[in-house]
Amino acid sequence: MKKYFALLLILLVFSSVVFATSRDDAMNMVQEASDLVAEKGNDALKIIGEKNGRFHKGAQYVFVYDKTVMILAHPAKPTLVGRSYKGKPDVKGKRFRDDIVNNTIAQGESWTDYVYQKPGQSGLFEKSAYCKLAENSGNEYVVCSGIYKNK
């Protein structure tokens, strides 16, 4: 019995470390990805977009837009890459992607709240995304990672 309890405790601790989803986690992930984009430009998008790669940890992942609101990298939903979402609202009517890109370009970084799906779960969840502007060779990238408010 003690053996099973110890194993359960180890699994809980491990999962909380690997799948932590705090504002600091999002900001740290975005900083790391922004640094990579600033260094490698478009080549960084392949690394960021790797499913289960270093920028995809369960429900925590990095996604990237260009200034026209086109998705350039999205490891949780790679089929979104290459599509423009300019003007497309969430289920509550908020054009959050436009807000993400416009606010981040204007301020250099921003937080945006919206409703979105959580990987591996059905339903819609309140989400808040931290985004930061990264530049390379004259190109601007809006690098983001979000946290789900309700678990």
Protein backbone atom coordinates (compact mmCIF):
# COMPACT_ATOMS: atom_id res chain seq x y z
CA MET A 1 0.00 0.00 0.00
CA LYS A 2 2.81 2.40 0.88
CA LYS A 3 4.46 1.58 -2.44
CA TYR A 4 1.33 2.61 -4.39
CA PHE A 5 0.91 5.76 -2.35
CA ALA A 6 4.53 6.74 -3.00
CA LEU A 7 4.09 6.08 -6.72
CA LEU A 8 0.93 8.19 -6.81
CA LEU A 9 2.66 11.01 -4.98
CA ILE A 10 5.58 10.93 -7.43
CA LEU A 11 3.19 11.02 -10.40
CA LEU A 12 1.28 13.97 -8.95
CA VAL A 13 4.45 15.95 -8.29
CA PHE A 14 5.83 15.12 -11.74
CA SER A 15 2.61 16.09 -13.53
CA SER A 16 2.37 19.38 -11.65
CA VAL A 17 5.93 20.24 -12.71
CA VAL A 18 5.58 19.14 -16.34
CA PHE A 19 2.10 20.54 -16.91
CA ALA A 20 2.25 23.64 -14.75
CA THR A 21 0.17 26.44 -16.20
CA SER A 22 0.76 29.70 -14.39
CA ARG A 23 1.19 33.21 -15.72
CA ASP A 24 4.92 32.89 -15.02
CA ASP A 25 5.06 29.63 -17.03
CA ALA A 26 3.42 31.35 -20.00
CA MET A 27 5.72 34.36 -19.77
CA ASN A 28 8.85 32.21 -19.47
CA MET A 29 7.85 30.04 -22.42
CA VAL A 30 7.12 33.13 -24.54
CA GLN A 31 10.45 34.72 -23.58
CA GLU A 32 12.36 31.60 -24.60
CA ALA A 33 10.46 31.31 -27.89
CA SER A 34 10.83 35.05 -28.60
CA ASP A 35 14.58 34.82 -28.09
CA LEU A 36 14.68 31.90 -30.53
CA VAL A 37 12.63 33.82 -33.12
CA ALA A 38 14.86 36.89 -32.74
CA GLU A 39 17.88 34.66 -33.36
CA LYS A 40 16.58 32.32 -36.09
CA GLY A 41 13.54 34.03 -37.65
CA ASN A 42 11.38 31.69 -39.73
CA ASP A 43 13.60 28.72 -38.88
CA ALA A 44 12.43 29.04 -35.26
CA LEU A 45 8.82 28.44 -36.34
CA LYS A 46 9.56 24.79 -37.13
CA ILE A 47 10.94 24.26 -33.62
CA ILE A 48 8.05 26.11 -31.96
CA GLY A 49 5.49 24.18 -34.04
CA GLU A 50 6.76 20.70 -33.11
CA LYS A 51 3.97 18.67 -31.54
CA ASN A 52 5.12 17.63 -28.05
CA GLY A 53 8.36 19.55 -28.60
CA ARG A 54 10.01 21.93 -26.18
CA PHE A 55 7.29 24.55 -26.70
CA HIS A 56 4.35 22.13 -26.28
CA LYS A 57 3.77 20.78 -22.78
CA GLY A 58 0.21 19.44 -22.59
CA ALA A 59 -2.24 22.34 -22.45
CA GLN A 60 0.69 24.80 -22.32
CA TYR A 61 2.13 25.67 -25.71
CA VAL A 62 3.49 28.57 -27.73
CA PHE A 63 1.76 29.85 -30.85
CA VAL A 64 2.87 32.58 -33.25
CA TYR A 65 1.05 35.13 -35.45
CA ASP A 66 2.36 37.55 -38.04
CA LYS A 67 1.14 41.15 -38.20
CA THR A 68 -1.69 40.18 -40.59
CA VAL A 69 -3.10 37.75 -37.96
CA MET A 70 -1.91 34.67 -39.84
CA ILE A 71 -0.89 31.75 -37.66
CA LEU A 72 2.76 30.85 -38.28
CA ALA A 73 3.21 28.14 -35.62
CA HIS A 74 0.78 26.16 -33.45
CA PRO A 75 1.98 22.80 -32.05
CA ALA A 76 -1.38 21.81 -30.55
CA LYS A 77 -3.28 22.42 -33.83
CA PRO A 78 -0.82 22.42 -36.74
CA THR A 79 -3.68 22.52 -39.27
CA LEU A 80 -4.22 26.18 -38.30
CA VAL A 81 -0.78 27.20 -39.60
CA GLY A 82 -0.90 29.33 -42.73
CA ARG A 83 -4.46 30.53 -42.15
CA SER A 84 -5.45 34.12 -41.51
CA TYR A 85 -7.80 34.64 -38.59
CA LYS A 86 -8.18 38.39 -38.99
CA GLY A 87 -11.63 39.39 -37.79
CA LYS A 88 -12.64 35.89 -36.68
CA PRO A 89 -14.32 36.00 -33.25
CA ASP A 90 -14.48 33.47 -30.44
CA VAL A 91 -17.88 32.04 -29.47
CA LYS A 92 -18.63 35.16 -27.42
CA GLY A 93 -18.00 37.45 -30.39
CA LYS A 94 -14.59 38.75 -29.30
CA ARG A 95 -12.06 39.20 -32.09
CA PHE A 96 -9.31 38.13 -29.73
CA ARG A 97 -6.71 37.33 -32.38
CA ASP A 98 -6.93 40.89 -33.73
CA ASP A 99 -6.61 42.17 -30.15
CA ILE A 100 -3.60 39.92 -29.54
CA VAL A 101 -1.74 41.13 -32.62
CA ASN A 102 -2.71 44.81 -32.46
CA ASN A 103 -2.05 45.22 -28.72
CA THR A 104 1.24 43.34 -28.85
CA ILE A 105 2.54 45.32 -31.82
CA ALA A 106 1.48 48.61 -30.19
CA GLN A 107 2.84 47.81 -26.70
CA GLY A 108 5.59 45.24 -27.30
CA GLU A 109 3.75 42.75 -25.08
CA SER A 110 0.19 42.17 -23.90
CA TRP A 111 -2.30 39.91 -22.08
CA THR A 112 -5.59 39.03 -23.82
CA ASP A 113 -8.56 37.11 -22.40
CA TYR A 114 -10.80 34.94 -24.59
CA VAL A 115 -12.63 31.61 -24.82
CA TYR A 116 -10.93 28.60 -26.45
CA GLN A 117 -10.74 24.82 -26.56
CA LYS A 118 -8.37 22.96 -24.26
CA PRO A 119 -6.28 20.22 -25.92
CA GLY A 120 -7.61 16.78 -25.07
CA GLN A 121 -10.84 18.06 -23.52
CA SER A 122 -14.28 18.90 -24.86
CA GLY A 123 -15.96 22.20 -24.18
CA LEU A 124 -14.80 25.78 -24.06
CA PHE A 125 -12.61 27.36 -21.42
CA GLU A 126 -11.65 30.87 -20.34
CA LYS A 127 -8.09 31.52 -21.42
CA SER A 128 -5.61 34.35 -21.03
CA ALA A 129 -2.66 34.66 -23.43
CA TYR A 130 0.59 36.47 -22.84
CA CYS A 131 2.17 37.70 -26.07
CA LYS A 132 5.44 39.39 -26.92
CA LEU A 133 6.71 41.02 -30.08
CA ALA A 134 9.83 39.46 -31.61
CA GLU A 135 11.66 40.74 -34.67
CA ASN A 136 14.12 39.20 -37.10
CA SER A 137 15.37 40.64 -40.40
CA GLY A 138 12.61 43.25 -40.48
CA ASN A 139 9.83 40.70 -39.86
CA GLU A 140 7.56 41.00 -36.82
CA TYR A 141 6.29 37.94 -34.97
CA VAL A 142 3.70 37.90 -32.17
CA VAL A 143 4.78 35.05 -29.89
CA CYS A 144 2.16 33.82 -27.40
CA SER A 145 1.34 31.26 -24.76
CA GLY A 146 -1.87 31.05 -22.79
CA ILE A 147 -3.16 29.72 -19.53
CA TYR A 148 -6.60 28.28 -18.91
CA LYS A 149 -8.36 30.01 -16.04
CA ASN A 150 -10.80 27.22 -15.21
CA LYS A 151 -9.44 23.73 -14.99
